Amino acid sequence: MVVENAVRLVPGTDLGVAVHAEPGDIAPWLQLLGNLLLLLPLGALLPLRLAAVDSCAKAALVVLATTCCIELVQYAVLTGRVVSADDVLLNTAGGLAGALLSRRWWADFRVPQPRPEAARARAAALRPQYARPHGG
């Protein structure tokens, strides 16, 4: 039996499922919450690690690219999965929320990026020094 993947490109479909779920059925709501929280840590921590990601917009773009890659792999590799526009939107919103929540600490906790001249000096210090042959 082959299980086909499904694609839902209409935003809000998953929210509609959650709203119209039976009373007491929290599974659709947990799905939405999970998608919102999934990439929140990436959005929060990415600006601390990469100097190029110095704004919430850039963090959101990286999270958007990441979630699109996740959905693409999910569609291409995993069978029986649903690729949803809501997943992309909620993952991106969660990553943006993480960036917004952590923004005030970016300057304090950013990992220093190595300067090229410092990297060259370290490499030169680690390079083995060969002695000249005596005599000869």
C-alpha atoms as a PDB file:
ATOM      1  CA  MET A   1       0.000   0.000   0.000  1.00  0.00           C
ATOM      2  CA  VAL A   2       1.450   3.347  -1.076  1.00  0.00           C
ATOM      3  CA  VAL A   3       0.585   6.367   1.023  1.00  0.00           C
ATOM      4  CA  GLU A   4       0.604   9.635  -0.880  1.00  0.00           C
ATOM      5  CA  ASN A   5       1.897  12.891   0.494  1.00  0.00           C
ATOM      6  CA  ALA A   6      -0.534  15.781   0.668  1.00  0.00           C
ATOM      7  CA  VAL A   7       0.091  19.450   0.007  1.00  0.00           C
ATOM      8  CA  ARG A   8      -2.033  22.196   1.586  1.00  0.00           C
ATOM      9  CA  LEU A   9      -1.147  25.552   0.101  1.00  0.00           C
ATOM     10  CA  VAL A  10      -4.119  27.499   1.470  1.00  0.00           C
ATOM     11  CA  PRO A  11      -3.096  29.315   4.661  1.00  0.00           C
ATOM     12  CA  GLY A  12      -5.446  28.847   7.593  1.00  0.00           C
ATOM     13  CA  THR A  13      -6.494  25.295   6.783  1.00  0.00           C
ATOM     14  CA  ASP A  14      -4.891  23.852   9.924  1.00  0.00           C
ATOM     15  CA  LEU A  15      -6.394  26.624  12.036  1.00  0.00           C
ATOM     16  CA  GLY A  16      -9.821  25.805  10.594  1.00  0.00           C
ATOM     17  CA  VAL A  17      -9.337  22.157  11.544  1.00  0.00           C
ATOM     18  CA  ALA A  18      -8.446  23.204  15.105  1.00  0.00           C
ATOM     19  CA  VAL A  19     -11.398  25.583  15.426  1.00  0.00           C
ATOM     20  CA  HIS A  20     -13.879  22.980  14.181  1.00  0.00           C
ATOM     21  CA  ALA A  21     -12.440  20.103  16.220  1.00  0.00           C
ATOM     22  CA  GLU A  22     -14.663  18.240  18.644  1.00  0.00           C
ATOM     23  CA  PRO A  23     -14.815  19.733  22.152  1.00  0.00           C
ATOM     24  CA  GLY A  24     -11.968  18.317  24.191  1.00  0.00           C
ATOM     25  CA  ASP A  25      -9.904  17.371  21.122  1.00  0.00           C
ATOM     26  CA  ILE A  26      -6.695  19.298  21.722  1.00  0.00           C
ATOM     27  CA  ALA A  27      -4.561  17.458  19.145  1.00  0.00           C
ATOM     28  CA  PRO A  28      -5.035  20.100  16.395  1.00  0.00           C
ATOM     29  CA  TRP A  29      -4.211  22.871  18.872  1.00  0.00           C
ATOM     30  CA  LEU A  30      -1.085  21.031  20.032  1.00  0.00           C
ATOM     31  CA  GLN A  31      -0.055  20.680  16.382  1.00  0.00           C
ATOM     32  CA  LEU A  32      -0.369  24.444  15.904  1.00  0.00           C
ATOM     33  CA  LEU A  33       1.488  25.182  19.144  1.00  0.00           C
ATOM     34  CA  GLY A  34       4.236  22.720  18.240  1.00  0.00           C
ATOM     35  CA  ASN A  35       4.724  24.378  14.855  1.00  0.00           C
ATOM     36  CA  LEU A  36       4.883  27.776  16.529  1.00  0.00           C
ATOM     37  CA  LEU A  37       7.491  26.635  19.064  1.00  0.00           C
ATOM     38  CA  LEU A  38       9.567  24.391  16.765  1.00  0.00           C
ATOM     39  CA  LEU A  39      11.956  27.023  15.381  1.00  0.00           C
ATOM     40  CA  LEU A  40      11.625  29.603  18.163  1.00  0.00           C
ATOM     41  CA  PRO A  41      15.047  28.592  19.577  1.00  0.00           C
ATOM     42  CA  LEU A  42      16.650  28.978  16.143  1.00  0.00           C
ATOM     43  CA  GLY A  43      15.320  32.515  15.837  1.00  0.00           C
ATOM     44  CA  ALA A  44      16.486  33.320  19.363  1.00  0.00           C
ATOM     45  CA  LEU A  45      19.995  31.867  19.128  1.00  0.00           C
ATOM     46  CA  LEU A  46      20.963  32.451  15.500  1.00  0.00           C
ATOM     47  CA  PRO A  47      21.703  36.184  15.930  1.00  0.00           C
ATOM     48  CA  LEU A  48      23.942  35.351  18.878  1.00  0.00           C
ATOM     49  CA  ARG A  49      26.084  33.018  16.781  1.00  0.00           C
ATOM     50  CA  LEU A  50      26.181  34.645  13.353  1.00  0.00           C
ATOM     51  CA  ALA A  51      27.186  38.281  13.037  1.00  0.00           C
ATOM     52  CA  ALA A  52      25.544  38.474   9.590  1.00  0.00           C
ATOM     53  CA  VAL A  53      22.145  37.880  11.204  1.00  0.00           C
ATOM     54  CA  ASP A  54      21.935  41.253  12.916  1.00  0.00           C
ATOM     55  CA  SER A  55      18.216  42.005  12.628  1.00  0.00           C
ATOM     56  CA  CYS A  56      14.899  40.318  13.272  1.00  0.00           C
ATOM     57  CA  ALA A  57      14.125  40.445   9.553  1.00  0.00           C
ATOM     58  CA  LYS A  58      17.309  38.539   8.691  1.00  0.00           C
ATOM     59  CA  ALA A  59      16.587  36.006  11.421  1.00  0.00           C
ATOM     60  CA  ALA A  60      13.066  35.555  10.037  1.00  0.00           C
ATOM     61  CA  LEU A  61      14.455  35.011   6.521  1.00  0.00           C
ATOM     62  CA  VAL A  62      16.867  32.329   7.753  1.00  0.00           C
ATOM     63  CA  VAL A  63      14.055  30.642   9.680  1.00  0.00           C
ATOM     64  CA  LEU A  64      11.799  30.854   6.599  1.00  0.00           C
ATOM     65  CA  ALA A  65      14.483  29.209   4.449  1.00  0.00           C
ATOM     66  CA  THR A  66      14.993  26.539   7.109  1.00  0.00           C
ATOM     67  CA  THR A  67      11.312  25.700   7.385  1.00  0.00           C
ATOM     68  CA  CYS A  68      10.946  25.596   3.587  1.00  0.00           C
ATOM     69  CA  CYS A  69      13.824  23.104   3.462  1.00  0.00           C
ATOM     70  CA  ILE A  70      12.177  21.033   6.196  1.00  0.00           C
ATOM     71  CA  GLU A  71       8.896  20.959   4.284  1.00  0.00           C
ATOM     72  CA  LEU A  72      10.672  20.089   1.024  1.00  0.00           C
ATOM     73  CA  VAL A  73      12.501  17.166   2.635  1.00  0.00           C
ATOM     74  CA  GLN A  74       9.285  16.094   4.311  1.00  0.00           C
ATOM     75  CA  TYR A  75       7.514  16.040   0.946  1.00  0.00           C
ATOM     76  CA  ALA A  76      10.333  14.417  -1.032  1.00  0.00           C
ATOM     77  CA  VAL A  77      11.558  11.810   1.450  1.00  0.00           C
ATOM     78  CA  LEU A  78       8.894  10.979   4.005  1.00  0.00           C
ATOM     79  CA  THR A  79       5.727   9.233   2.897  1.00  0.00           C
ATOM     80  CA  GLY A  80       2.292   9.945   4.268  1.00  0.00           C
ATOM     81  CA  ARG A  81       3.161  13.463   5.411  1.00  0.00           C
ATOM     82  CA  VAL A  82       1.237  16.678   4.855  1.00  0.00           C
ATOM     83  CA  VAL A  83       3.156  19.688   3.615  1.00  0.00           C
ATOM     84  CA  SER A  84       1.256  22.726   4.787  1.00  0.00           C
ATOM     85  CA  ALA A  85       1.516  26.459   4.241  1.00  0.00           C
ATOM     86  CA  ASP A  86       0.410  26.807   7.862  1.00  0.00           C
ATOM     87  CA  ASP A  87       3.500  24.886   8.991  1.00  0.00           C
ATOM     88  CA  VAL A  88       5.752  27.316   7.120  1.00  0.00           C
ATOM     89  CA  LEU A  89       3.910  30.368   8.465  1.00  0.00           C
ATOM     90  CA  LEU A  90       3.812  29.139  12.070  1.00  0.00           C
ATOM     91  CA  ASN A  91       7.449  27.993  12.068  1.00  0.00           C
ATOM     92  CA  THR A  92       8.522  31.361  10.676  1.00  0.00           C
ATOM     93  CA  ALA A  93       6.347  33.255  13.165  1.00  0.00           C
ATOM     94  CA  GLY A  94       7.883  31.226  15.983  1.00  0.00           C
ATOM     95  CA  GLY A  95      11.411  31.968  14.775  1.00  0.00           C
ATOM     96  CA  LEU A  96      10.576  35.658  14.513  1.00  0.00           C
ATOM     97  CA  ALA A  97       9.109  35.564  18.027  1.00  0.00           C
ATOM     98  CA  GLY A  98      12.340  33.990  19.272  1.00  0.00           C
ATOM     99  CA  ALA A  99      14.382  36.740  17.619  1.00  0.00           C
ATOM    100  CA  LEU A 100      12.147  39.438  19.086  1.00  0.00           C
ATOM    101  CA  LEU A 101      12.279  37.896  22.568  1.00  0.00           C
ATOM    102  CA  SER A 102      16.074  37.585  22.573  1.00  0.00           C
ATOM    103  CA  ARG A 103      16.920  40.839  20.789  1.00  0.00           C
ATOM    104  CA  ARG A 104      17.813  42.798  23.905  1.00  0.00           C
ATOM    105  CA  TRP A 105      20.610  40.304  24.716  1.00  0.00           C
ATOM    106  CA  TRP A 106      22.204  40.112  21.263  1.00  0.00           C
ATOM    107  CA  ALA A 107      24.969  42.615  22.000  1.00  0.00           C
ATOM    108  CA  ASP A 108      25.738  41.117  25.424  1.00  0.00           C
ATOM    109  CA  PHE A 109      25.999  37.460  24.438  1.00  0.00           C
ATOM    110  CA  ARG A 110      27.102  37.506  20.810  1.00  0.00           C
ATOM    111  CA  VAL A 111      29.934  35.076  20.137  1.00  0.00           C
ATOM    112  CA  PRO A 112      32.918  37.114  18.973  1.00  0.00           C
ATOM    113  CA  GLN A 113      33.803  36.488  15.347  1.00  0.00           C
ATOM    114  CA  PRO A 114      37.480  35.831  14.669  1.00  0.00           C
ATOM    115  CA  ARG A 115      39.300  38.639  12.944  1.00  0.00           C
ATOM    116  CA  PRO A 116      41.285  37.577   9.861  1.00  0.00           C
ATOM    117  CA  GLU A 117      44.585  38.923  11.201  1.00  0.00           C
ATOM    118  CA  ALA A 118      44.085  37.134  14.521  1.00  0.00           C
ATOM    119  CA  ALA A 119      43.325  33.896  12.674  1.00  0.00           C
ATOM    120  CA  ARG A 120      46.507  34.258  10.600  1.00  0.00           C
ATOM    121  CA  ALA A 121      48.564  34.901  13.741  1.00  0.00           C
ATOM    122  CA  ARG A 122      47.114  31.795  15.428  1.00  0.00           C
ATOM    123  CA  ALA A 123      47.808  29.695  12.340  1.00  0.00           C
ATOM    124  CA  ALA A 124      51.400  30.950  12.188  1.00  0.00           C
ATOM    125  CA  ALA A 125      51.898  30.172  15.874  1.00  0.00           C
ATOM    126  CA  LEU A 126      50.636  26.627  15.381  1.00  0.00           C
ATOM    127  CA  ARG A 127      52.707  25.969  12.262  1.00  0.00           C
ATOM    128  CA  PRO A 128      55.636  23.686  13.077  1.00  0.00           C
ATOM    129  CA  GLN A 129      58.937  25.456  13.106  1.00  0.00           C
ATOM    130  CA  TYR A 130      61.646  23.386  11.464  1.00  0.00           C
ATOM    131  CA  ALA A 131      65.231  23.981  12.490  1.00  0.00           C
ATOM    132  CA  ARG A 132      67.823  24.471   9.808  1.00  0.00           C
ATOM    133  CA  PRO A 133      70.197  21.578   9.409  1.00  0.00           C
ATOM    134  CA  HIS A 134      73.536  22.272  11.063  1.00  0.00           C
ATOM    135  CA  GLY A 135      76.737  22.051   9.133  1.00  0.00           C
ATOM    136  CA  GLY A 136      77.012  21.337   5.578  1.00  0.00           C
END
